[in-house]
Amino acid sequence: MQPPVKIYTLSTCSHCKATKKLLNDCAVQFEFTDVDLLTGGERDAILEEVKKINQDCSFPTIIIGNKVIVGYKEQEIRKALGL
């Protein structure tokens, strides 16, 4: 069974787009939040959430099960998914 996958992305980020494409190509179900499309308090709350797991608050920030991967690292992502 696949671990839960959640990614924090920016809508304009090429690495974020590549991450989403990889997950889609591998038929992985995932939740994502395009942080730059949020506004006000919702955006502030999500940025605080991201900073708790990635102090640099860079994107994409990927959570696979209990593993955090920062950036588009295809091999690391595949390994965490068991692919």
C-alpha atoms as a PDB file:
ATOM      1  CA  MET A   1       0.000   0.000   0.000  1.00  0.00           C
ATOM      2  CA  GLN A   2       1.234   3.451  -0.927  1.00  0.00           C
ATOM      3  CA  PRO A   3       2.117   5.833   1.904  1.00  0.00           C
ATOM      4  CA  PRO A   4       0.226   9.159   1.921  1.00  0.00           C
ATOM      5  CA  VAL A   5       1.881  11.788  -0.281  1.00  0.00           C
ATOM      6  CA  LYS A   6       1.520  15.537   0.193  1.00  0.00           C
ATOM      7  CA  ILE A   7       3.489  18.194  -1.626  1.00  0.00           C
ATOM      8  CA  TYR A   8       3.802  21.916  -1.127  1.00  0.00           C
ATOM      9  CA  THR A   9       4.493  23.636  -4.438  1.00  0.00           C
ATOM     10  CA  LEU A  10       4.538  26.929  -6.294  1.00  0.00           C
ATOM     11  CA  SER A  11       2.356  27.100  -9.416  1.00  0.00           C
ATOM     12  CA  THR A  12       5.183  28.629 -11.483  1.00  0.00           C
ATOM     13  CA  CYS A  13       8.044  26.373 -10.291  1.00  0.00           C
ATOM     14  CA  SER A  14       9.521  23.998 -12.904  1.00  0.00           C
ATOM     15  CA  HIS A  15      10.792  21.586 -10.219  1.00  0.00           C
ATOM     16  CA  CYS A  16       7.323  21.506  -8.665  1.00  0.00           C
ATOM     17  CA  LYS A  17       5.755  20.761 -12.059  1.00  0.00           C
ATOM     18  CA  ALA A  18       8.305  17.987 -12.647  1.00  0.00           C
ATOM     19  CA  THR A  19       7.447  16.465  -9.242  1.00  0.00           C
ATOM     20  CA  LYS A  20       3.716  16.469 -10.011  1.00  0.00           C
ATOM     21  CA  LYS A  21       4.397  14.935 -13.442  1.00  0.00           C
ATOM     22  CA  LEU A  22       6.561  12.181 -11.928  1.00  0.00           C
ATOM     23  CA  LEU A  23       3.874  11.308  -9.387  1.00  0.00           C
ATOM     24  CA  ASN A  24       1.171  11.322 -12.068  1.00  0.00           C
ATOM     25  CA  ASP A  25       3.315   9.224 -14.443  1.00  0.00           C
ATOM     26  CA  CYS A  26       3.811   6.677 -11.636  1.00  0.00           C
ATOM     27  CA  ALA A  27       0.038   6.679 -10.909  1.00  0.00           C
ATOM     28  CA  VAL A  28       0.669   7.926  -7.362  1.00  0.00           C
ATOM     29  CA  GLN A  29      -2.209   9.609  -5.582  1.00  0.00           C
ATOM     30  CA  PHE A  30      -1.142  12.819  -3.875  1.00  0.00           C
ATOM     31  CA  GLU A  31      -2.406  16.022  -2.325  1.00  0.00           C
ATOM     32  CA  PHE A  32      -0.767  19.279  -3.282  1.00  0.00           C
ATOM     33  CA  THR A  33      -0.977  22.899  -2.256  1.00  0.00           C
ATOM     34  CA  ASP A  34       0.182  25.663  -4.606  1.00  0.00           C
ATOM     35  CA  VAL A  35       1.321  28.000  -1.836  1.00  0.00           C
ATOM     36  CA  ASP A  36       1.695  31.041  -4.107  1.00  0.00           C
ATOM     37  CA  LEU A  37      -2.017  30.877  -5.024  1.00  0.00           C
ATOM     38  CA  LEU A  38      -3.125  31.171  -1.388  1.00  0.00           C
ATOM     39  CA  THR A  39      -3.766  34.525   0.249  1.00  0.00           C
ATOM     40  CA  GLY A  40      -3.832  36.094   3.696  1.00  0.00           C
ATOM     41  CA  GLY A  41      -4.109  33.931   6.783  1.00  0.00           C
ATOM     42  CA  GLU A  42      -4.407  30.692   4.804  1.00  0.00           C
ATOM     43  CA  ARG A  43      -1.080  31.387   3.086  1.00  0.00           C
ATOM     44  CA  ASP A  44       0.597  32.356   6.387  1.00  0.00           C
ATOM     45  CA  ALA A  45      -0.647  29.159   8.070  1.00  0.00           C
ATOM     46  CA  ILE A  46       0.643  26.923   5.239  1.00  0.00           C
ATOM     47  CA  LEU A  47       4.036  28.694   5.204  1.00  0.00           C
ATOM     48  CA  GLU A  48       4.354  28.052   8.958  1.00  0.00           C
ATOM     49  CA  GLU A  49       3.502  24.378   8.323  1.00  0.00           C
ATOM     50  CA  VAL A  50       6.190  24.147   5.621  1.00  0.00           C
ATOM     51  CA  LYS A  51       8.801  25.867   7.842  1.00  0.00           C
ATOM     52  CA  LYS A  52       8.257  23.219  10.540  1.00  0.00           C
ATOM     53  CA  ILE A  53       9.460  20.493   8.160  1.00  0.00           C
ATOM     54  CA  ASN A  54      11.725  22.561   5.864  1.00  0.00           C
ATOM     55  CA  GLN A  55      13.347  25.543   7.581  1.00  0.00           C
ATOM     56  CA  ASP A  56      14.415  27.027   4.234  1.00  0.00           C
ATOM     57  CA  CYS A  57      10.763  27.029   3.136  1.00  0.00           C
ATOM     58  CA  SER A  58      11.792  26.038  -0.388  1.00  0.00           C
ATOM     59  CA  PHE A  59       9.761  24.202  -2.982  1.00  0.00           C
ATOM     60  CA  PRO A  60       8.786  21.567  -3.716  1.00  0.00           C
ATOM     61  CA  THR A  61       8.571  20.206  -0.182  1.00  0.00           C
ATOM     62  CA  ILE A  62       7.408  16.600  -0.454  1.00  0.00           C
ATOM     63  CA  ILE A  63       6.102  14.425   2.366  1.00  0.00           C
ATOM     64  CA  ILE A  64       5.895  10.695   1.652  1.00  0.00           C
ATOM     65  CA  GLY A  65       4.656   8.845   4.717  1.00  0.00           C
ATOM     66  CA  ASN A  66       6.936  10.255   7.428  1.00  0.00           C
ATOM     67  CA  LYS A  67       9.824  11.104   5.068  1.00  0.00           C
ATOM     68  CA  VAL A  68      10.428  14.674   3.925  1.00  0.00           C
ATOM     69  CA  ILE A  69      12.169  15.345   0.607  1.00  0.00           C
ATOM     70  CA  VAL A  70      13.045  18.898  -0.372  1.00  0.00           C
ATOM     71  CA  GLY A  71      13.449  19.595  -4.078  1.00  0.00           C
ATOM     72  CA  TYR A  72      12.969  17.431  -7.142  1.00  0.00           C
ATOM     73  CA  LYS A  73      15.067  14.349  -6.360  1.00  0.00           C
ATOM     74  CA  GLU A  74      13.605  11.675  -8.611  1.00  0.00           C
ATOM     75  CA  GLN A  75      15.555   8.697  -7.243  1.00  0.00           C
ATOM     76  CA  GLU A  76      14.843   9.658  -3.632  1.00  0.00           C
ATOM     77  CA  ILE A  77      11.145  10.121  -4.411  1.00  0.00           C
ATOM     78  CA  ARG A  78      10.940   6.773  -6.211  1.00  0.00           C
ATOM     79  CA  LYS A  79      12.733   5.031  -3.337  1.00  0.00           C
ATOM     80  CA  ALA A  80      10.411   6.569  -0.716  1.00  0.00           C
ATOM     81  CA  LEU A  81       7.426   5.371  -2.779  1.00  0.00           C
ATOM     82  CA  GLY A  82       8.917   1.891  -3.178  1.00  0.00           C
ATOM     83  CA  LEU A  83       9.076   2.221  -6.996  1.00  0.00           C
END
